[in-house]
Amino acid sequence: MEQGVEIGAWRVNITLTALATIGVLAATFYGLKLVQAAFHGPEVLRSPIPDLGVREGLMVGLMIAVLSFLGFYPRPVLHTFQPAMTELFSLRR
C-alpha cells in the first residue's frame, strides 16, 4: 500500500517522498528492534557456533535469486493459475 502511494507522491514532490520513505523504513526497523527486545530480551549466552555456514549461505543466496527473479518476472507463476481464473470468470457471467 505504501509503495503505491509513494510512487504517486514521487511525481508531486521528490524531496518529501524521499523523507517519507526514510520515515517508513526507520519505523519498520524501530518496530522490529522493539519486537526483538520484547520477545527475546538481552543476549545472555554467547555461543561459539557460527550463525551462518557455507551451506546455509548458499541456500539463502538461492532463495534471494529465485525471489528476485519472480519479483522482476512473475509471468511464469501467474500463468500457472490463469486457466483456473478464466474458468472462474466464465462461471461468474
Protein backbone atom coordinates (compact mmCIF):
# COMPACT_ATOMS: atom_id res chain seq x y z
CA MET A 1 0.00 0.00 0.00
CA GLU A 2 2.68 2.49 0.97
CA GLN A 3 4.62 1.71 -2.17
CA GLY A 4 1.74 2.74 -4.44
CA VAL A 5 1.26 5.97 -2.52
CA GLU A 6 4.96 6.74 -2.66
CA ILE A 7 5.12 6.14 -6.40
CA GLY A 8 2.25 8.57 -6.90
CA ALA A 9 3.71 11.12 -4.49
CA TRP A 10 7.13 10.91 -6.18
CA ARG A 11 5.68 12.75 -9.17
CA VAL A 12 4.44 15.59 -6.97
CA ASN A 13 7.33 16.19 -4.56
CA ILE A 14 10.50 14.13 -4.68
CA THR A 15 12.04 15.53 -1.50
CA LEU A 16 9.05 14.90 0.75
CA THR A 17 8.55 11.45 -0.74
CA ALA A 18 12.19 10.55 -0.04
CA LEU A 19 11.82 11.76 3.55
CA ALA A 20 8.57 9.81 3.94
CA THR A 21 10.25 6.66 2.64
CA ILE A 22 13.10 7.08 5.11
CA GLY A 23 10.50 7.54 7.85
CA VAL A 24 8.68 4.34 6.88
CA LEU A 25 11.96 2.41 6.89
CA ALA A 26 13.01 3.90 10.24
CA ALA A 27 9.65 2.99 11.77
CA THR A 28 9.98 -0.56 10.45
CA PHE A 29 13.45 -1.01 11.90
CA TYR A 30 12.37 0.50 15.21
CA GLY A 31 9.36 -1.82 15.39
CA LEU A 32 11.50 -4.86 14.61
CA LYS A 33 14.01 -3.88 17.28
CA LEU A 34 11.17 -3.40 19.77
CA VAL A 35 9.66 -6.82 18.97
CA GLN A 36 13.07 -8.46 19.21
CA ALA A 37 13.70 -6.92 22.62
CA ALA A 38 10.22 -7.85 23.86
CA PHE A 39 10.33 -11.47 22.75
CA HIS A 40 13.99 -12.35 23.09
CA GLY A 41 15.39 -9.96 25.69
CA PRO A 42 19.11 -9.37 26.12
CA GLU A 43 21.59 -11.98 24.95
CA VAL A 44 22.69 -13.98 27.99
CA LEU A 45 24.79 -16.74 26.45
CA ARG A 46 27.41 -16.32 23.77
CA SER A 47 27.60 -19.44 21.65
CA PRO A 48 30.73 -20.44 19.72
CA ILE A 49 28.54 -21.87 16.92
CA PRO A 50 28.69 -19.70 13.79
CA ASP A 51 25.45 -18.09 12.73
CA LEU A 52 25.61 -18.91 9.03
CA GLY A 53 27.68 -21.65 7.42
CA VAL A 54 28.52 -22.07 3.75
CA ARG A 55 25.59 -24.44 3.13
CA GLU A 56 23.08 -22.06 4.72
CA GLY A 57 24.61 -19.12 2.86
CA LEU A 58 24.15 -20.92 -0.46
CA MET A 59 20.52 -21.69 0.37
CA VAL A 60 19.80 -18.09 1.35
CA GLY A 61 21.54 -16.89 -1.82
CA LEU A 62 19.45 -19.26 -3.92
CA MET A 63 16.24 -18.06 -2.27
CA ILE A 64 17.22 -14.43 -2.86
CA ALA A 65 17.96 -15.17 -6.51
CA VAL A 66 14.66 -17.01 -7.10
CA LEU A 67 12.57 -14.38 -5.28
CA SER A 68 14.33 -11.56 -7.13
CA PHE A 69 13.65 -13.29 -10.46
CA LEU A 70 9.99 -13.79 -9.57
CA GLY A 71 9.76 -10.19 -8.40
CA PHE A 72 11.00 -8.84 -11.73
CA TYR A 73 9.43 -11.53 -13.95
CA PRO A 74 6.33 -13.05 -12.29
CA ARG A 75 4.77 -14.28 -15.54
CA PRO A 76 5.76 -17.98 -15.15
CA VAL A 77 3.96 -18.20 -11.81
CA LEU A 78 0.97 -16.14 -12.89
CA HIS A 79 0.39 -18.31 -15.97
CA THR A 80 0.12 -21.45 -13.84
CA PHE A 81 -3.26 -20.43 -12.42
CA GLN A 82 -4.59 -18.49 -15.42
CA PRO A 83 -6.78 -21.37 -16.72
CA ALA A 84 -8.48 -21.63 -13.33
CA MET A 85 -9.06 -17.87 -13.20
CA THR A 86 -10.50 -17.90 -16.72
CA GLU A 87 -12.87 -20.68 -15.69
CA LEU A 88 -13.93 -18.74 -12.57
CA PHE A 89 -14.60 -15.58 -14.56
CA SER A 90 -16.65 -17.53 -17.12
CA LEU A 91 -18.79 -19.02 -14.32
CA ARG A 92 -19.47 -15.57 -12.91
CA ARG A 93 -21.11 -14.31 -16.09
